[in-house]
Amino acid sequence: MWPISRFGIDMNDDAYGFLEVRGLVTSIVAADAMVKTAQVRLMAKIENRPGLITLVISGDLGACSAAIDAGRTAAASIGQVVSEKVMGRPDLGLRIFFE
């Protein structure tokens, strides 16, 4: 069993990836590409404003980087990518943003 923190975060995850896109279909295509490309978990889908959706993934740093690259490419092929970020060694307190 993998160690789990009291916040529910897998302690073996050393990165989060964020991909913000415009549109539901674009977000579905991006999420599908990300989880199929690398060993990552889709942690959250956050709707910021009407039409803007942020996808949050977790995994190791290399997997998150590869997944965000794949998600960006897939999303850009059918819609608009607004922003992206891979965050290595995130603080456990950040979990509150996507619970």
N, C-alpha and C. Protein backbone atom coordinates (compact mmCIF):
# COMPACT_ATOMS: atom_id res chain seq x y z
N MET A 1 0.85 -1.20 0.00
CA MET A 1 0.00 0.00 0.00
C MET A 1 0.88 1.25 0.00
N TRP A 2 0.54 2.22 -0.79
CA TRP A 2 1.30 3.46 -0.87
C TRP A 2 0.95 4.33 0.32
N PRO A 3 1.93 5.02 0.90
CA PRO A 3 1.62 5.87 2.06
C PRO A 3 0.74 7.05 1.66
N ILE A 4 -0.27 7.28 2.47
CA ILE A 4 -1.21 8.37 2.22
C ILE A 4 -1.12 9.36 3.38
N SER A 5 -1.08 10.64 3.07
CA SER A 5 -1.01 11.65 4.12
C SER A 5 -2.38 11.83 4.76
N ARG A 6 -2.41 12.59 5.83
CA ARG A 6 -3.70 12.85 6.48
C ARG A 6 -4.61 13.71 5.61
N PHE A 7 -4.06 14.32 4.57
CA PHE A 7 -4.85 15.12 3.65
C PHE A 7 -5.37 14.30 2.48
N GLY A 8 -5.00 13.01 2.41
CA GLY A 8 -5.45 12.16 1.32
C GLY A 8 -4.57 12.22 0.09
N ILE A 9 -3.40 12.83 0.21
CA ILE A 9 -2.48 12.93 -0.92
C ILE A 9 -1.52 11.76 -0.87
N ASP A 10 -1.31 11.14 -1.99
CA ASP A 10 -0.32 10.07 -2.09
C ASP A 10 1.05 10.69 -1.90
N MET A 11 1.76 10.26 -0.87
CA MET A 11 3.05 10.87 -0.55
C MET A 11 4.12 10.55 -1.58
N ASN A 12 3.87 9.58 -2.47
CA ASN A 12 4.83 9.28 -3.52
C ASN A 12 4.69 10.24 -4.70
N ASP A 13 3.63 11.02 -4.74
CA ASP A 13 3.47 12.02 -5.79
C ASP A 13 4.39 13.19 -5.48
N ASP A 14 5.20 13.56 -6.44
CA ASP A 14 6.08 14.69 -6.18
C ASP A 14 5.79 15.86 -7.11
N ALA A 15 4.63 15.83 -7.78
CA ALA A 15 4.29 16.95 -8.65
C ALA A 15 2.79 17.04 -8.87
N TYR A 16 2.37 18.25 -9.14
CA TYR A 16 1.01 18.51 -9.63
C TYR A 16 1.14 19.15 -11.00
N GLY A 17 0.18 18.90 -11.86
CA GLY A 17 0.13 19.55 -13.15
C GLY A 17 -1.21 20.24 -13.29
N PHE A 18 -1.20 21.44 -13.84
CA PHE A 18 -2.42 22.22 -14.04
C PHE A 18 -2.52 22.58 -15.52
N LEU A 19 -3.68 22.36 -16.10
CA LEU A 19 -3.92 22.74 -17.49
C LEU A 19 -5.28 23.43 -17.56
N GLU A 20 -5.27 24.70 -17.93
CA GLU A 20 -6.51 25.46 -18.03
C GLU A 20 -6.86 25.62 -19.50
N VAL A 21 -8.10 25.23 -19.83
CA VAL A 21 -8.57 25.26 -21.22
C VAL A 21 -9.92 25.95 -21.29
N ARG A 22 -10.31 26.30 -22.50
CA ARG A 22 -11.61 26.91 -22.71
C ARG A 22 -12.55 25.86 -23.33
N GLY A 23 -13.61 25.52 -22.59
CA GLY A 23 -14.63 24.62 -23.11
C GLY A 23 -14.60 23.22 -22.52
N LEU A 24 -15.80 22.66 -22.33
CA LEU A 24 -15.95 21.33 -21.74
C LEU A 24 -15.36 20.23 -22.62
N VAL A 25 -15.66 20.25 -23.91
CA VAL A 25 -15.16 19.21 -24.81
C VAL A 25 -13.63 19.27 -24.87
N THR A 26 -13.09 20.46 -24.91
CA THR A 26 -11.64 20.62 -24.92
C THR A 26 -11.03 20.02 -23.65
N SER A 27 -11.68 20.23 -22.51
CA SER A 27 -11.16 19.69 -21.25
C SER A 27 -11.24 18.17 -21.22
N ILE A 28 -12.29 17.59 -21.78
CA ILE A 28 -12.43 16.13 -21.81
C ILE A 28 -11.34 15.52 -22.69
N VAL A 29 -11.11 16.11 -23.85
CA VAL A 29 -10.07 15.61 -24.76
C VAL A 29 -8.69 15.72 -24.11
N ALA A 30 -8.42 16.85 -23.45
CA ALA A 30 -7.14 17.04 -22.79
C ALA A 30 -6.95 16.05 -21.64
N ALA A 31 -7.97 15.86 -20.82
CA ALA A 31 -7.88 14.92 -19.69
C ALA A 31 -7.64 13.50 -20.19
N ASP A 32 -8.33 13.11 -21.24
CA ASP A 32 -8.15 11.78 -21.81
C ASP A 32 -6.71 11.58 -22.27
N ALA A 33 -6.17 12.57 -22.97
CA ALA A 33 -4.79 12.48 -23.45
C ALA A 33 -3.80 12.40 -22.29
N MET A 34 -4.04 13.18 -21.24
CA MET A 34 -3.11 13.20 -20.12
C MET A 34 -3.04 11.87 -19.39
N VAL A 35 -4.19 11.29 -19.08
CA VAL A 35 -4.17 10.04 -18.31
C VAL A 35 -3.74 8.84 -19.14
N LYS A 36 -3.88 8.93 -20.46
CA LYS A 36 -3.43 7.85 -21.33
C LYS A 36 -1.94 7.93 -21.64
N THR A 37 -1.35 9.10 -21.51
CA THR A 37 0.05 9.32 -21.87
C THR A 37 1.01 8.92 -20.76
N ALA A 38 0.66 9.19 -19.52
CA ALA A 38 1.59 8.97 -18.41
C ALA A 38 0.86 8.44 -17.19
N GLN A 39 1.63 7.95 -16.24
CA GLN A 39 1.07 7.40 -15.00
C GLN A 39 0.73 8.56 -14.06
N VAL A 40 -0.41 9.22 -14.33
CA VAL A 40 -0.89 10.33 -13.51
C VAL A 40 -2.34 10.06 -13.14
N ARG A 41 -2.79 10.78 -12.12
CA ARG A 41 -4.19 10.71 -11.71
C ARG A 41 -4.83 12.07 -11.92
N LEU A 42 -6.04 12.06 -12.43
CA LEU A 42 -6.81 13.30 -12.56
C LEU A 42 -7.42 13.56 -11.20
N MET A 43 -6.97 14.62 -10.53
CA MET A 43 -7.42 14.92 -9.17
C MET A 43 -8.64 15.81 -9.11
N ALA A 44 -8.75 16.73 -10.06
CA ALA A 44 -9.85 17.70 -9.99
C ALA A 44 -10.11 18.33 -11.34
N LYS A 45 -11.35 18.80 -11.48
CA LYS A 45 -11.76 19.63 -12.61
C LYS A 45 -12.39 20.86 -11.98
N ILE A 46 -11.76 22.00 -12.15
CA ILE A 46 -12.22 23.23 -11.52
C ILE A 46 -12.75 24.17 -12.59
N GLU A 47 -14.01 24.59 -12.44
CA GLU A 47 -14.59 25.56 -13.37
C GLU A 47 -14.41 26.94 -12.77
N ASN A 48 -13.51 27.72 -13.40
CA ASN A 48 -13.15 29.03 -12.86
C ASN A 48 -14.16 30.10 -13.21
N ARG A 49 -14.48 30.19 -14.46
CA ARG A 49 -15.47 31.12 -14.99
C ARG A 49 -16.23 30.34 -16.04
N PRO A 50 -17.34 30.85 -16.47
CA PRO A 50 -18.02 30.11 -17.55
C PRO A 50 -17.09 29.88 -18.72
N GLY A 51 -16.90 28.62 -19.05
CA GLY A 51 -16.08 28.27 -20.20
C GLY A 51 -14.62 27.96 -19.89
N LEU A 52 -14.13 28.35 -18.71
CA LEU A 52 -12.73 28.06 -18.36
C LEU A 52 -12.69 26.90 -17.37
N ILE A 53 -11.93 25.88 -17.72
CA ILE A 53 -11.84 24.69 -16.88
C ILE A 53 -10.37 24.39 -16.64
N THR A 54 -10.02 24.20 -15.36
CA THR A 54 -8.67 23.81 -15.00
C THR A 54 -8.67 22.35 -14.60
N LEU A 55 -7.80 21.57 -15.24
CA LEU A 55 -7.63 20.16 -14.91
C LEU A 55 -6.40 20.04 -14.03
N VAL A 56 -6.50 19.27 -12.95
CA VAL A 56 -5.40 19.10 -12.01
C VAL A 56 -5.03 17.62 -11.99
N ILE A 57 -3.74 17.34 -12.23
CA ILE A 57 -3.26 15.97 -12.20
C ILE A 57 -2.17 15.85 -11.15
N SER A 58 -1.88 14.62 -10.73
CA SER A 58 -0.77 14.39 -9.81
C SER A 58 -0.02 13.14 -10.23
N GLY A 59 1.24 13.10 -9.85
CA GLY A 59 2.10 11.97 -10.18
C GLY A 59 3.54 12.38 -9.96
N ASP A 60 4.47 11.63 -10.53
CA ASP A 60 5.86 12.07 -10.39
C ASP A 60 6.12 13.19 -11.41
N LEU A 61 7.21 13.90 -11.21
CA LEU A 61 7.49 15.10 -12.00
C LEU A 61 7.57 14.83 -13.50
N GLY A 62 8.27 13.77 -13.89
CA GLY A 62 8.38 13.45 -15.31
C GLY A 62 7.05 13.08 -15.93
N ALA A 63 6.24 12.31 -15.19
CA ALA A 63 4.93 11.91 -15.70
C ALA A 63 4.01 13.11 -15.85
N CYS A 64 4.03 14.01 -14.87
CA CYS A 64 3.19 15.21 -14.96
C CYS A 64 3.60 16.09 -16.13
N SER A 65 4.90 16.24 -16.34
CA SER A 65 5.38 17.04 -17.47
C SER A 65 4.94 16.45 -18.80
N ALA A 66 5.10 15.13 -18.94
CA ALA A 66 4.69 14.46 -20.18
C ALA A 66 3.18 14.56 -20.39
N ALA A 67 2.42 14.39 -19.32
CA ALA A 67 0.96 14.44 -19.42
C ALA A 67 0.48 15.85 -19.79
N ILE A 68 1.07 16.87 -19.18
CA ILE A 68 0.67 18.25 -19.51
C ILE A 68 1.00 18.56 -20.97
N ASP A 69 2.16 18.11 -21.44
CA ASP A 69 2.52 18.32 -22.86
C ASP A 69 1.48 17.65 -23.77
N ALA A 70 1.11 16.42 -23.45
CA ALA A 70 0.12 15.71 -24.27
C ALA A 70 -1.25 16.38 -24.20
N GLY A 71 -1.64 16.80 -23.01
CA GLY A 71 -2.93 17.48 -22.84
C GLY A 71 -2.98 18.80 -23.59
N ARG A 72 -1.88 19.55 -23.53
CA ARG A 72 -1.81 20.83 -24.25
C ARG A 72 -1.96 20.62 -25.75
N THR A 73 -1.25 19.63 -26.28
CA THR A 73 -1.30 19.34 -27.71
C THR A 73 -2.70 18.92 -28.14
N ALA A 74 -3.30 18.03 -27.36
CA ALA A 74 -4.65 17.56 -27.68
C ALA A 74 -5.67 18.69 -27.59
N ALA A 75 -5.57 19.50 -26.54
CA ALA A 75 -6.52 20.60 -26.36
C ALA A 75 -6.38 21.64 -27.46
N ALA A 76 -5.14 21.96 -27.83
CA ALA A 76 -4.90 22.98 -28.86
C ALA A 76 -5.41 22.53 -30.23
N SER A 77 -5.52 21.22 -30.43
CA SER A 77 -5.99 20.73 -31.73
C SER A 77 -7.49 20.96 -31.95
N ILE A 78 -8.24 21.15 -30.86
CA ILE A 78 -9.69 21.36 -31.03
C ILE A 78 -10.22 22.60 -30.34
N GLY A 79 -9.40 23.22 -29.50
CA GLY A 79 -9.88 24.38 -28.74
C GLY A 79 -8.75 25.28 -28.33
N GLN A 80 -8.91 25.94 -27.18
CA GLN A 80 -7.93 26.93 -26.73
C GLN A 80 -7.34 26.53 -25.39
N VAL A 81 -6.02 26.58 -25.30
CA VAL A 81 -5.30 26.40 -24.04
C VAL A 81 -5.05 27.78 -23.46
N VAL A 82 -5.45 27.99 -22.21
CA VAL A 82 -5.28 29.29 -21.57
C VAL A 82 -3.96 29.36 -20.81
N SER A 83 -3.68 28.34 -20.00
CA SER A 83 -2.42 28.33 -19.25
C SER A 83 -2.10 26.91 -18.79
N GLU A 84 -0.86 26.72 -18.37
CA GLU A 84 -0.41 25.42 -17.88
C GLU A 84 0.71 25.63 -16.89
N LYS A 85 0.86 24.66 -15.98
CA LYS A 85 1.95 24.73 -15.01
C LYS A 85 2.16 23.34 -14.42
N VAL A 86 3.43 22.94 -14.30
CA VAL A 86 3.80 21.75 -13.57
C VAL A 86 4.53 22.22 -12.33
N MET A 87 4.08 21.77 -11.16
CA MET A 87 4.63 22.21 -9.90
C MET A 87 5.27 21.02 -9.19
N GLY A 88 6.58 21.04 -9.07
CA GLY A 88 7.30 19.98 -8.39
C GLY A 88 7.32 20.18 -6.89
N ARG A 89 7.29 19.08 -6.16
CA ARG A 89 7.33 19.08 -4.70
C ARG A 89 6.33 20.05 -4.08
N PRO A 90 5.03 19.91 -4.38
CA PRO A 90 4.03 20.84 -3.82
C PRO A 90 3.86 20.65 -2.32
N ASP A 91 3.56 21.73 -1.65
CA ASP A 91 3.27 21.68 -0.23
C ASP A 91 1.94 20.96 -0.01
N LEU A 92 1.84 20.17 1.04
CA LEU A 92 0.62 19.41 1.32
C LEU A 92 -0.61 20.31 1.51
N GLY A 93 -0.40 21.52 1.95
CA GLY A 93 -1.51 22.44 2.17
C GLY A 93 -2.23 22.87 0.88
N LEU A 94 -1.58 22.69 -0.26
CA LEU A 94 -2.21 23.09 -1.53
C LEU A 94 -3.43 22.24 -1.87
N ARG A 95 -3.54 21.07 -1.25
CA ARG A 95 -4.67 20.17 -1.52
C ARG A 95 -6.03 20.86 -1.33
N ILE A 96 -6.10 21.86 -0.46
CA ILE A 96 -7.38 22.53 -0.19
C ILE A 96 -7.95 23.22 -1.43
N PHE A 97 -7.11 23.54 -2.40
CA PHE A 97 -7.58 24.21 -3.59
C PHE A 97 -8.39 23.31 -4.52
N PHE A 98 -8.23 21.98 -4.42
CA PHE A 98 -8.97 21.10 -5.31
C PHE A 98 -9.62 19.93 -4.59
N GLU A 99 -10.15 20.17 -3.41
CA GLU A 99 -10.94 19.16 -2.71
C GLU A 99 -12.39 19.35 -3.04
